[in-house]
Amino acid sequence: MNTPFVHHYEPGSPGRTLLLLHGTGGNEQSLLPLGRLLAPGAGLLSPRGRVLEGSMPRFFRRLAEGVFDEADLIARSAELAGFVGEAARHYGFDPKGVVAAGFSNGANIGASLLLLHPGVLAGGILFRAMVPLEPARVGGLAGTPVWLGAGRHDPIVPGENTERLAALLRRAGAEVTLDWRDLGHQLSDGEVRAAAAWLARGPA
């Protein structure tokens, strides 16, 4: 497969593939255990972010904490959308059954992919996501299910930002489940189990 993304692929049910999107400093191996918990038996497609912040891989550049390089984000989102389509052709999974599962920086580009390239994802499980950007026009997500996992004590993602992202996705037509936990930026087993149960009920 001719792609600039270092990635890992685990075959599974061709009708359900999780696109695993790691946080800052992660890699293509980081979210594999999470993916197996969220969707046992699903295919797992896990790319490594192509931007380095120091030695830490990310999916797009930021100018400061919570301040994103929007031009780079737009370009990287288009690149990731192309990768998903190419991977579906190469590995033989259904491109209409791809659900993003991302954490932090990975959740942010997952949200960007939903907003800028509706139709690439059948849904999203986004843990600790922020508003990545606000397109001039939004739409194309009618009925697309999105789980937002948020921490009430998150020092990185303000609560109002999470609420704004939920509203933005809903305005685009997505069916958003906003799950608040008494947590910071870290995940909990209970949160992961709840997201897995949501996915198992067949939202996508």
N, C-alpha and C. Protein backbone atom coordinates (compact mmCIF):
# COMPACT_ATOMS: atom_id res chain seq x y z
N MET A 1 0.85 -1.19 0.00
CA MET A 1 0.00 0.00 0.00
C MET A 1 0.88 1.24 0.00
N ASN A 2 0.66 2.12 -0.95
CA ASN A 2 1.48 3.31 -1.10
C ASN A 2 0.86 4.47 -0.32
N THR A 3 1.32 4.65 0.90
CA THR A 3 0.77 5.71 1.76
C THR A 3 1.88 6.33 2.58
N PRO A 4 1.78 7.63 2.87
CA PRO A 4 2.79 8.25 3.74
C PRO A 4 2.60 7.90 5.21
N PHE A 5 1.47 7.28 5.56
CA PHE A 5 1.20 6.97 6.97
C PHE A 5 1.82 5.65 7.39
N VAL A 6 2.69 5.70 8.40
CA VAL A 6 3.03 4.47 9.11
C VAL A 6 1.76 4.03 9.81
N HIS A 7 1.39 2.76 9.69
CA HIS A 7 0.12 2.35 10.29
C HIS A 7 0.13 0.86 10.60
N HIS A 8 -0.85 0.48 11.39
CA HIS A 8 -1.06 -0.93 11.74
C HIS A 8 -2.49 -1.28 11.34
N TYR A 9 -2.67 -2.46 10.74
CA TYR A 9 -4.01 -2.92 10.40
C TYR A 9 -4.21 -4.32 10.93
N GLU A 10 -5.31 -4.50 11.65
CA GLU A 10 -5.72 -5.83 12.09
C GLU A 10 -7.04 -6.16 11.41
N PRO A 11 -7.08 -7.21 10.60
CA PRO A 11 -8.35 -7.55 9.95
C PRO A 11 -9.39 -8.03 10.96
N GLY A 12 -10.62 -7.79 10.64
CA GLY A 12 -11.73 -8.24 11.46
C GLY A 12 -12.96 -8.28 10.58
N SER A 13 -14.11 -8.06 11.16
CA SER A 13 -15.34 -8.01 10.37
C SER A 13 -15.20 -6.91 9.31
N PRO A 14 -15.36 -7.24 8.03
CA PRO A 14 -15.16 -6.23 6.99
C PRO A 14 -16.20 -5.11 7.04
N GLY A 15 -17.32 -5.37 7.74
CA GLY A 15 -18.36 -4.35 7.82
C GLY A 15 -18.16 -3.33 8.92
N ARG A 16 -17.21 -3.54 9.82
CA ARG A 16 -16.96 -2.61 10.92
C ARG A 16 -15.46 -2.48 11.12
N THR A 17 -14.95 -1.28 10.90
CA THR A 17 -13.54 -0.99 11.11
C THR A 17 -13.41 0.24 11.98
N LEU A 18 -12.60 0.15 13.02
CA LEU A 18 -12.30 1.31 13.85
C LEU A 18 -11.05 2.00 13.32
N LEU A 19 -11.17 3.30 13.09
CA LEU A 19 -10.02 4.14 12.76
C LEU A 19 -9.50 4.69 14.07
N LEU A 20 -8.37 4.18 14.53
CA LEU A 20 -7.82 4.54 15.84
C LEU A 20 -6.88 5.73 15.70
N LEU A 21 -7.16 6.79 16.44
CA LEU A 21 -6.43 8.05 16.32
C LEU A 21 -5.85 8.43 17.68
N HIS A 22 -4.56 8.26 17.82
CA HIS A 22 -3.88 8.42 19.11
C HIS A 22 -3.75 9.88 19.53
N GLY A 23 -3.41 10.08 20.79
CA GLY A 23 -3.14 11.41 21.31
C GLY A 23 -1.69 11.81 21.08
N THR A 24 -1.35 13.03 21.48
CA THR A 24 0.02 13.54 21.31
C THR A 24 1.02 12.60 21.97
N GLY A 25 2.04 12.22 21.22
CA GLY A 25 3.08 11.35 21.73
C GLY A 25 2.79 9.87 21.55
N GLY A 26 1.61 9.55 21.03
CA GLY A 26 1.28 8.14 20.78
C GLY A 26 1.79 7.67 19.44
N ASN A 27 1.41 6.46 19.09
CA ASN A 27 1.79 5.92 17.78
C ASN A 27 0.74 4.91 17.33
N GLU A 28 1.05 4.18 16.29
CA GLU A 28 0.07 3.26 15.70
C GLU A 28 -0.25 2.07 16.59
N GLN A 29 0.49 1.88 17.66
CA GLN A 29 0.22 0.78 18.60
C GLN A 29 -0.59 1.23 19.82
N SER A 30 -0.63 2.53 20.07
CA SER A 30 -1.11 3.04 21.36
C SER A 30 -2.56 2.68 21.68
N LEU A 31 -3.44 2.76 20.69
CA LEU A 31 -4.86 2.57 20.97
C LEU A 31 -5.39 1.20 20.57
N LEU A 32 -4.50 0.29 20.20
CA LEU A 32 -4.97 -1.06 19.83
C LEU A 32 -5.72 -1.74 20.97
N PRO A 33 -5.22 -1.70 22.22
CA PRO A 33 -6.00 -2.31 23.31
C PRO A 33 -7.37 -1.66 23.48
N LEU A 34 -7.43 -0.33 23.34
CA LEU A 34 -8.71 0.37 23.44
C LEU A 34 -9.65 -0.08 22.33
N GLY A 35 -9.12 -0.19 21.11
CA GLY A 35 -9.94 -0.61 19.99
C GLY A 35 -10.53 -2.00 20.19
N ARG A 36 -9.73 -2.90 20.74
CA ARG A 36 -10.22 -4.27 20.98
C ARG A 36 -11.31 -4.30 22.04
N LEU A 37 -11.23 -3.37 23.01
CA LEU A 37 -12.27 -3.29 24.03
C LEU A 37 -13.54 -2.66 23.48
N LEU A 38 -13.38 -1.65 22.64
CA LEU A 38 -14.55 -0.93 22.12
C LEU A 38 -15.36 -1.78 21.15
N ALA A 39 -14.67 -2.55 20.32
CA ALA A 39 -15.38 -3.30 19.27
C ALA A 39 -14.69 -4.64 19.02
N PRO A 40 -14.91 -5.61 19.91
CA PRO A 40 -14.29 -6.93 19.71
C PRO A 40 -14.71 -7.51 18.35
N GLY A 41 -13.71 -7.96 17.60
CA GLY A 41 -13.99 -8.56 16.31
C GLY A 41 -13.98 -7.61 15.15
N ALA A 42 -13.93 -6.31 15.42
CA ALA A 42 -13.87 -5.33 14.34
C ALA A 42 -12.46 -5.25 13.77
N GLY A 43 -12.35 -4.79 12.54
CA GLY A 43 -11.04 -4.46 11.99
C GLY A 43 -10.51 -3.21 12.67
N LEU A 44 -9.19 -3.12 12.77
CA LEU A 44 -8.55 -1.96 13.40
C LEU A 44 -7.56 -1.34 12.43
N LEU A 45 -7.76 -0.08 12.13
CA LEU A 45 -6.85 0.67 11.26
C LEU A 45 -6.28 1.81 12.09
N SER A 46 -4.97 1.76 12.33
CA SER A 46 -4.36 2.69 13.27
C SER A 46 -3.16 3.38 12.64
N PRO A 47 -3.33 4.62 12.16
CA PRO A 47 -2.19 5.36 11.60
C PRO A 47 -1.43 6.14 12.67
N ARG A 48 -0.18 6.41 12.37
CA ARG A 48 0.62 7.29 13.23
C ARG A 48 0.55 8.71 12.69
N GLY A 49 0.32 9.68 13.57
CA GLY A 49 0.32 11.07 13.13
C GLY A 49 1.64 11.45 12.49
N ARG A 50 1.58 12.31 11.45
CA ARG A 50 2.76 12.61 10.65
C ARG A 50 3.43 13.93 11.03
N VAL A 51 2.92 14.60 12.05
CA VAL A 51 3.53 15.84 12.53
C VAL A 51 4.28 15.54 13.82
N LEU A 52 5.48 16.08 13.94
CA LEU A 52 6.25 15.90 15.17
C LEU A 52 6.29 17.20 15.96
N GLU A 53 5.96 17.09 17.24
CA GLU A 53 6.14 18.20 18.18
C GLU A 53 7.28 17.78 19.09
N GLY A 54 8.48 18.27 18.78
CA GLY A 54 9.66 17.67 19.40
C GLY A 54 9.81 16.27 18.83
N SER A 55 9.73 15.28 19.72
CA SER A 55 9.80 13.89 19.25
C SER A 55 8.43 13.21 19.30
N MET A 56 7.37 13.99 19.59
CA MET A 56 6.05 13.40 19.82
C MET A 56 5.17 13.49 18.58
N PRO A 57 4.72 12.35 18.06
CA PRO A 57 3.83 12.38 16.90
C PRO A 57 2.48 13.01 17.24
N ARG A 58 1.96 13.79 16.30
CA ARG A 58 0.63 14.38 16.35
C ARG A 58 0.01 14.29 14.96
N PHE A 59 -1.28 14.55 14.90
CA PHE A 59 -1.95 14.51 13.60
C PHE A 59 -1.97 15.85 12.89
N PHE A 60 -1.74 16.95 13.62
CA PHE A 60 -1.65 18.27 13.00
C PHE A 60 -0.91 19.20 13.95
N ARG A 61 -0.45 20.31 13.42
CA ARG A 61 0.34 21.25 14.22
C ARG A 61 -0.56 22.10 15.11
N ARG A 62 0.00 22.50 16.23
CA ARG A 62 -0.66 23.50 17.06
C ARG A 62 0.33 24.63 17.33
N LEU A 63 -0.21 25.81 17.57
CA LEU A 63 0.62 26.99 17.83
C LEU A 63 0.87 27.16 19.32
N ALA A 64 -0.07 26.67 20.13
CA ALA A 64 0.04 26.68 21.59
C ALA A 64 -1.00 25.69 22.10
N GLU A 65 -1.03 25.47 23.41
CA GLU A 65 -2.04 24.57 23.98
C GLU A 65 -3.43 25.07 23.61
N GLY A 66 -4.18 24.25 22.87
CA GLY A 66 -5.54 24.61 22.49
C GLY A 66 -5.64 25.58 21.33
N VAL A 67 -4.51 25.97 20.74
CA VAL A 67 -4.52 26.89 19.59
C VAL A 67 -3.94 26.14 18.39
N PHE A 68 -4.79 25.87 17.41
CA PHE A 68 -4.40 24.98 16.32
C PHE A 68 -4.01 25.75 15.07
N ASP A 69 -3.10 25.17 14.31
CA ASP A 69 -2.72 25.68 12.99
C ASP A 69 -3.81 25.22 12.02
N GLU A 70 -4.77 26.09 11.75
CA GLU A 70 -5.97 25.69 11.01
C GLU A 70 -5.65 25.24 9.59
N ALA A 71 -4.73 25.93 8.92
CA ALA A 71 -4.38 25.53 7.56
C ALA A 71 -3.79 24.12 7.54
N ASP A 72 -2.94 23.84 8.52
CA ASP A 72 -2.34 22.50 8.60
C ASP A 72 -3.41 21.47 8.94
N LEU A 73 -4.32 21.82 9.84
CA LEU A 73 -5.40 20.90 10.21
C LEU A 73 -6.25 20.54 8.99
N ILE A 74 -6.59 21.53 8.18
CA ILE A 74 -7.40 21.28 6.98
C ILE A 74 -6.66 20.35 6.03
N ALA A 75 -5.37 20.62 5.81
CA ALA A 75 -4.59 19.77 4.89
C ALA A 75 -4.42 18.36 5.44
N ARG A 76 -4.16 18.24 6.74
CA ARG A 76 -3.96 16.91 7.34
C ARG A 76 -5.27 16.11 7.37
N SER A 77 -6.38 16.80 7.53
CA SER A 77 -7.68 16.11 7.53
C SER A 77 -7.96 15.54 6.15
N ALA A 78 -7.66 16.30 5.10
CA ALA A 78 -7.84 15.80 3.74
C ALA A 78 -6.93 14.61 3.47
N GLU A 79 -5.70 14.69 3.97
CA GLU A 79 -4.75 13.59 3.80
C GLU A 79 -5.25 12.32 4.51
N LEU A 80 -5.80 12.50 5.71
CA LEU A 80 -6.31 11.35 6.46
C LEU A 80 -7.54 10.75 5.78
N ALA A 81 -8.41 11.60 5.26
CA ALA A 81 -9.59 11.11 4.53
C ALA A 81 -9.16 10.26 3.34
N GLY A 82 -8.15 10.71 2.62
CA GLY A 82 -7.63 9.93 1.49
C GLY A 82 -7.05 8.60 1.92
N PHE A 83 -6.36 8.61 3.07
CA PHE A 83 -5.77 7.38 3.59
C PHE A 83 -6.84 6.35 3.92
N VAL A 84 -7.95 6.79 4.52
CA VAL A 84 -9.03 5.85 4.87
C VAL A 84 -9.57 5.17 3.61
N GLY A 85 -9.81 5.95 2.57
CA GLY A 85 -10.32 5.38 1.33
C GLY A 85 -9.34 4.42 0.69
N GLU A 86 -8.06 4.80 0.68
CA GLU A 86 -7.04 3.94 0.09
C GLU A 86 -6.89 2.65 0.89
N ALA A 87 -6.94 2.75 2.22
CA ALA A 87 -6.81 1.56 3.07
C ALA A 87 -7.99 0.61 2.85
N ALA A 88 -9.19 1.16 2.68
CA ALA A 88 -10.37 0.32 2.44
C ALA A 88 -10.19 -0.49 1.15
N ARG A 89 -9.68 0.17 0.12
CA ARG A 89 -9.45 -0.55 -1.15
C ARG A 89 -8.36 -1.61 -0.99
N HIS A 90 -7.31 -1.25 -0.28
CA HIS A 90 -6.16 -2.15 -0.17
C HIS A 90 -6.47 -3.36 0.71
N TYR A 91 -7.12 -3.12 1.85
CA TYR A 91 -7.37 -4.21 2.81
C TYR A 91 -8.73 -4.89 2.62
N GLY A 92 -9.59 -4.28 1.81
CA GLY A 92 -10.85 -4.94 1.48
C GLY A 92 -11.95 -4.80 2.52
N PHE A 93 -11.91 -3.74 3.33
CA PHE A 93 -13.02 -3.53 4.26
C PHE A 93 -13.99 -2.50 3.68
N ASP A 94 -15.20 -2.47 4.24
CA ASP A 94 -16.25 -1.58 3.74
C ASP A 94 -15.97 -0.15 4.17
N PRO A 95 -15.75 0.77 3.23
CA PRO A 95 -15.46 2.16 3.62
C PRO A 95 -16.65 2.84 4.30
N LYS A 96 -17.85 2.26 4.17
CA LYS A 96 -19.02 2.86 4.80
C LYS A 96 -19.20 2.39 6.24
N GLY A 97 -18.31 1.52 6.71
CA GLY A 97 -18.41 1.00 8.07
C GLY A 97 -17.29 1.44 8.97
N VAL A 98 -16.66 2.58 8.64
CA VAL A 98 -15.51 3.05 9.42
C VAL A 98 -15.97 4.03 10.51
N VAL A 99 -15.64 3.71 11.75
CA VAL A 99 -15.96 4.56 12.90
C VAL A 99 -14.64 5.01 13.53
N ALA A 100 -14.48 6.31 13.69
CA ALA A 100 -13.27 6.83 14.33
C ALA A 100 -13.35 6.62 15.84
N ALA A 101 -12.24 6.22 16.44
CA ALA A 101 -12.10 6.18 17.89
C ALA A 101 -10.82 6.92 18.23
N GLY A 102 -10.96 8.12 18.77
CA GLY A 102 -9.79 8.96 18.99
C GLY A 102 -9.71 9.50 20.40
N PHE A 103 -8.49 9.83 20.80
CA PHE A 103 -8.24 10.42 22.12
C PHE A 103 -7.46 11.71 21.95
N SER A 104 -7.93 12.80 22.56
CA SER A 104 -7.22 14.06 22.63
C SER A 104 -6.88 14.58 21.23
N ASN A 105 -5.62 14.68 20.85
CA ASN A 105 -5.28 15.16 19.51
C ASN A 105 -5.92 14.31 18.42
N GLY A 106 -5.99 13.00 18.65
CA GLY A 106 -6.64 12.12 17.68
C GLY A 106 -8.14 12.35 17.62
N ALA A 107 -8.76 12.64 18.77
CA ALA A 107 -10.19 12.96 18.77
C ALA A 107 -10.45 14.27 18.05
N ASN A 108 -9.52 15.21 18.16
CA ASN A 108 -9.68 16.49 17.48
C ASN A 108 -9.66 16.33 15.96
N ILE A 109 -8.73 15.54 15.45
CA ILE A 109 -8.72 15.36 14.00
C ILE A 109 -9.90 14.48 13.57
N GLY A 110 -10.37 13.60 14.46
CA GLY A 110 -11.58 12.85 14.16
C GLY A 110 -12.77 13.78 13.99
N ALA A 111 -12.89 14.76 14.87
CA ALA A 111 -13.96 15.76 14.76
C ALA A 111 -13.81 16.57 13.48
N SER A 112 -12.58 16.93 13.15
CA SER A 112 -12.32 17.67 11.92
C SER A 112 -12.71 16.85 10.69
N LEU A 113 -12.41 15.56 10.72
CA LEU A 113 -12.76 14.67 9.60
C LEU A 113 -14.28 14.62 9.43
N LEU A 114 -15.01 14.55 10.54
CA LEU A 114 -16.47 14.55 10.47
C LEU A 114 -16.99 15.85 9.86
N LEU A 115 -16.45 16.98 10.29
CA LEU A 115 -16.96 18.27 9.86
C LEU A 115 -16.57 18.63 8.43
N LEU A 116 -15.33 18.30 8.06
CA LEU A 116 -14.81 18.71 6.75
C LEU A 116 -15.04 17.68 5.66
N HIS A 117 -15.18 16.41 6.05
CA HIS A 117 -15.31 15.33 5.07
C HIS A 117 -16.46 14.39 5.46
N PRO A 118 -17.67 14.94 5.56
CA PRO A 118 -18.80 14.08 5.93
C PRO A 118 -18.96 12.95 4.91
N GLY A 119 -19.24 11.76 5.42
CA GLY A 119 -19.35 10.60 4.56
C GLY A 119 -18.15 9.67 4.66
N VAL A 120 -17.01 10.19 5.11
CA VAL A 120 -15.82 9.34 5.28
C VAL A 120 -16.00 8.43 6.48
N LEU A 121 -16.65 8.94 7.53
CA LEU A 121 -16.86 8.17 8.75
C LEU A 121 -18.33 7.85 8.95
N ALA A 122 -18.59 6.63 9.42
CA ALA A 122 -19.96 6.24 9.77
C ALA A 122 -20.32 6.67 11.18
N GLY A 123 -19.35 7.14 11.93
CA GLY A 123 -19.58 7.57 13.30
C GLY A 123 -18.26 7.87 13.98
N GLY A 124 -18.35 8.28 15.23
CA GLY A 124 -17.13 8.61 15.95
C GLY A 124 -17.28 8.42 17.45
N ILE A 125 -16.22 7.93 18.07
CA ILE A 125 -16.10 7.89 19.53
C ILE A 125 -14.90 8.78 19.85
N LEU A 126 -15.18 9.95 20.39
CA LEU A 126 -14.15 10.96 20.56
C LEU A 126 -14.00 11.28 22.04
N PHE A 127 -12.86 10.88 22.60
CA PHE A 127 -12.57 11.12 24.00
C PHE A 127 -11.73 12.38 24.15
N ARG A 128 -12.22 13.34 24.94
CA ARG A 128 -11.49 14.58 25.28
C ARG A 128 -11.22 15.42 24.04
N ALA A 129 -12.23 15.54 23.20
CA ALA A 129 -12.08 16.35 21.98
C ALA A 129 -12.38 17.81 22.25
N MET A 130 -11.75 18.69 21.46
CA MET A 130 -12.03 20.12 21.44
C MET A 130 -12.61 20.48 20.08
N VAL A 131 -13.17 21.68 19.99
CA VAL A 131 -13.57 22.20 18.68
C VAL A 131 -12.30 22.36 17.85
N PRO A 132 -12.16 21.61 16.74
CA PRO A 132 -10.93 21.71 15.96
C PRO A 132 -10.90 22.97 15.10
N LEU A 133 -12.06 23.31 14.54
CA LEU A 133 -12.23 24.51 13.73
C LEU A 133 -13.73 24.67 13.51
N GLU A 134 -14.14 25.84 13.07
CA GLU A 134 -15.56 26.08 12.81
C GLU A 134 -15.73 26.44 11.34
N PRO A 135 -16.09 25.45 10.51
CA PRO A 135 -16.27 25.72 9.09
C PRO A 135 -17.36 26.77 8.86
N ALA A 136 -17.23 27.52 7.77
CA ALA A 136 -18.24 28.54 7.45
C ALA A 136 -19.60 27.89 7.23
N ARG A 137 -19.59 26.69 6.65
CA ARG A 137 -20.83 25.96 6.42
C ARG A 137 -20.66 24.55 6.98
N VAL A 138 -21.66 24.06 7.66
CA VAL A 138 -21.61 22.70 8.18
C VAL A 138 -22.85 21.94 7.72
N GLY A 139 -22.71 20.63 7.62
CA GLY A 139 -23.83 19.79 7.20
C GLY A 139 -23.30 18.44 6.75
N GLY A 140 -24.18 17.63 6.23
CA GLY A 140 -23.79 16.35 5.67
C GLY A 140 -23.66 15.22 6.65
N LEU A 141 -24.00 15.47 7.93
CA LEU A 141 -23.83 14.42 8.95
C LEU A 141 -25.18 13.88 9.44
N ALA A 142 -26.23 14.04 8.66
CA ALA A 142 -27.57 13.63 9.09
C ALA A 142 -27.57 12.19 9.60
N GLY A 143 -27.92 12.02 10.87
CA GLY A 143 -28.02 10.70 11.46
C GLY A 143 -26.70 10.06 11.85
N THR A 144 -25.57 10.74 11.63
CA THR A 144 -24.27 10.17 11.97
C THR A 144 -24.09 10.17 13.49
N PRO A 145 -23.89 9.01 14.11
CA PRO A 145 -23.78 8.95 15.56
C PRO A 145 -22.38 9.30 16.05
N VAL A 146 -22.31 10.13 17.05
CA VAL A 146 -21.02 10.55 17.63
C VAL A 146 -21.13 10.49 19.15
N TRP A 147 -20.17 9.82 19.76
CA TRP A 147 -20.04 9.76 21.22
C TRP A 147 -18.91 10.72 21.61
N LEU A 148 -19.22 11.66 22.50
CA LEU A 148 -18.20 12.56 23.04
C LEU A 148 -17.98 12.21 24.51
N GLY A 149 -16.80 11.75 24.84
CA GLY A 149 -16.44 11.44 26.22
C GLY A 149 -15.70 12.62 26.82
N ALA A 150 -16.26 13.22 27.87
CA ALA A 150 -15.70 14.46 28.42
C ALA A 150 -15.47 14.34 29.91
N GLY A 151 -14.42 15.02 30.39
CA GLY A 151 -14.11 15.05 31.82
C GLY A 151 -14.48 16.39 32.42
N ARG A 152 -15.24 16.37 33.50
CA ARG A 152 -15.65 17.63 34.14
C ARG A 152 -14.46 18.40 34.73
N HIS A 153 -13.36 17.70 35.00
CA HIS A 153 -12.20 18.34 35.62
C HIS A 153 -11.00 18.33 34.67
N ASP A 154 -11.28 18.29 33.38
CA ASP A 154 -10.22 18.24 32.37
C ASP A 154 -9.47 19.57 32.37
N PRO A 155 -8.15 19.57 32.65
CA PRO A 155 -7.41 20.83 32.66
C PRO A 155 -7.06 21.34 31.27
N ILE A 156 -7.29 20.51 30.24
CA ILE A 156 -6.92 20.87 28.87
C ILE A 156 -8.13 21.31 28.05
N VAL A 157 -9.26 20.63 28.25
CA VAL A 157 -10.46 20.90 27.45
C VAL A 157 -11.52 21.55 28.35
N PRO A 158 -11.77 22.86 28.22
CA PRO A 158 -12.81 23.50 29.03
C PRO A 158 -14.19 22.93 28.70
N GLY A 159 -15.05 22.86 29.70
CA GLY A 159 -16.38 22.31 29.50
C GLY A 159 -17.17 23.03 28.43
N GLU A 160 -17.04 24.36 28.35
CA GLU A 160 -17.81 25.11 27.35
C GLU A 160 -17.34 24.76 25.95
N ASN A 161 -16.08 24.39 25.81
CA ASN A 161 -15.57 24.00 24.50
C ASN A 161 -16.20 22.67 24.07
N THR A 162 -16.31 21.74 25.01
CA THR A 162 -16.96 20.46 24.72
C THR A 162 -18.41 20.68 24.30
N GLU A 163 -19.11 21.54 25.03
CA GLU A 163 -20.51 21.83 24.70
C GLU A 163 -20.61 22.48 23.32
N ARG A 164 -19.65 23.32 22.98
CA ARG A 164 -19.65 23.99 21.67
C ARG A 164 -19.43 22.98 20.55
N LEU A 165 -18.54 22.00 20.80
CA LEU A 165 -18.31 20.96 19.80
C LEU A 165 -19.57 20.13 19.59
N ALA A 166 -20.23 19.76 20.70
CA ALA A 166 -21.47 18.99 20.58
C ALA A 166 -22.51 19.76 19.77
N ALA A 167 -22.63 21.06 20.02
CA ALA A 167 -23.59 21.89 19.29
C ALA A 167 -23.23 21.99 17.81
N LEU A 168 -21.94 22.11 17.53
CA LEU A 168 -21.47 22.21 16.13
C LEU A 168 -21.78 20.93 15.36
N LEU A 169 -21.52 19.80 15.98
CA LEU A 169 -21.79 18.51 15.33
C LEU A 169 -23.30 18.32 15.14
N ARG A 170 -24.07 18.72 16.14
CA ARG A 170 -25.54 18.60 16.00
C ARG A 170 -26.04 19.51 14.88
N ARG A 171 -25.45 20.68 14.77
CA ARG A 171 -25.87 21.59 13.69
C ARG A 171 -25.57 20.99 12.32
N ALA A 172 -24.53 20.17 12.25
CA ALA A 172 -24.20 19.48 11.00
C ALA A 172 -25.09 18.27 10.76
N GLY A 173 -25.93 17.91 11.75
CA GLY A 173 -26.86 16.81 11.60
C GLY A 173 -26.54 15.57 12.39
N ALA A 174 -25.40 15.56 13.09
CA ALA A 174 -24.99 14.36 13.83
C ALA A 174 -25.89 14.11 15.03
N GLU A 175 -26.01 12.84 15.40
CA GLU A 175 -26.72 12.45 16.62
C GLU A 175 -25.67 12.27 17.71
N VAL A 176 -25.57 13.25 18.58
CA VAL A 176 -24.47 13.33 19.54
C VAL A 176 -24.90 12.81 20.91
N THR A 177 -24.09 11.92 21.47
CA THR A 177 -24.22 11.49 22.86
C THR A 177 -23.06 12.12 23.62
N LEU A 178 -23.36 12.98 24.57
CA LEU A 178 -22.33 13.66 25.36
C LEU A 178 -22.28 13.01 26.73
N ASP A 179 -21.17 12.34 27.02
CA ASP A 179 -21.01 11.56 28.24
C ASP A 179 -20.01 12.27 29.16
N TRP A 180 -20.52 12.86 30.23
CA TRP A 180 -19.67 13.55 31.20
C TRP A 180 -19.26 12.60 32.31
N ARG A 181 -18.00 12.70 32.72
CA ARG A 181 -17.47 11.91 33.83
C ARG A 181 -16.73 12.84 34.80
N ASP A 182 -16.67 12.44 36.07
CA ASP A 182 -15.90 13.20 37.06
C ASP A 182 -14.43 12.83 36.95
N LEU A 183 -13.85 13.22 35.83
CA LEU A 183 -12.47 12.87 35.50
C LEU A 183 -11.75 14.08 34.95
N GLY A 184 -10.43 13.93 34.79
CA GLY A 184 -9.63 14.93 34.10
C GLY A 184 -9.48 14.56 32.64
N HIS A 185 -8.23 14.56 32.18
CA HIS A 185 -7.98 14.26 30.77
C HIS A 185 -7.78 12.76 30.54
N GLN A 186 -7.74 12.00 31.63
CA GLN A 186 -7.51 10.56 31.51
C GLN A 186 -8.84 9.83 31.29
N LEU A 187 -8.76 8.59 30.81
CA LEU A 187 -9.95 7.77 30.61
C LEU A 187 -10.15 6.85 31.80
N SER A 188 -11.37 6.33 31.93
CA SER A 188 -11.67 5.35 32.97
C SER A 188 -12.24 4.09 32.32
N ASP A 189 -12.13 2.99 33.04
CA ASP A 189 -12.69 1.73 32.53
C ASP A 189 -14.20 1.85 32.30
N GLY A 190 -14.88 2.53 33.23
CA GLY A 190 -16.32 2.67 33.10
C GLY A 190 -16.72 3.44 31.87
N GLU A 191 -15.94 4.47 31.55
CA GLU A 191 -16.21 5.28 30.36
C GLU A 191 -16.02 4.45 29.09
N VAL A 192 -14.96 3.67 29.07
CA VAL A 192 -14.70 2.83 27.90
C VAL A 192 -15.79 1.78 27.74
N ARG A 193 -16.21 1.19 28.85
CA ARG A 193 -17.29 0.19 28.79
C ARG A 193 -18.59 0.82 28.28
N ALA A 194 -18.87 2.04 28.73
CA ALA A 194 -20.09 2.71 28.27
C ALA A 194 -20.03 3.00 26.77
N ALA A 195 -18.88 3.44 26.29
CA ALA A 195 -18.72 3.70 24.86
C ALA A 195 -18.85 2.40 24.05
N ALA A 196 -18.29 1.32 24.58
CA ALA A 196 -18.39 0.02 23.90
C ALA A 196 -19.84 -0.44 23.81
N ALA A 197 -20.59 -0.24 24.91
CA ALA A 197 -22.00 -0.63 24.91
C ALA A 197 -22.79 0.20 23.92
N TRP A 198 -22.49 1.49 23.85
CA TRP A 198 -23.13 2.39 22.87
C TRP A 198 -22.88 1.91 21.44
N LEU A 199 -21.64 1.54 21.18
CA LEU A 199 -21.29 1.08 19.83
C LEU A 199 -21.96 -0.27 19.52
N ALA A 200 -22.01 -1.14 20.52
CA ALA A 200 -22.61 -2.46 20.32
C ALA A 200 -24.11 -2.39 20.04
N ARG A 201 -24.74 -1.30 20.49
CA ARG A 201 -26.18 -1.15 20.22
C ARG A 201 -26.45 -0.81 18.76
N GLY A 202 -25.36 -0.57 18.01
CA GLY A 202 -25.51 -0.38 16.58
C GLY A 202 -25.78 1.03 16.14
N PRO A 203 -25.02 2.02 16.67
CA PRO A 203 -25.27 3.39 16.24
C PRO A 203 -24.76 3.69 14.84
N ALA A 204 -23.90 2.80 14.32
CA ALA A 204 -23.36 3.03 12.98
C ALA A 204 -23.32 1.74 12.22
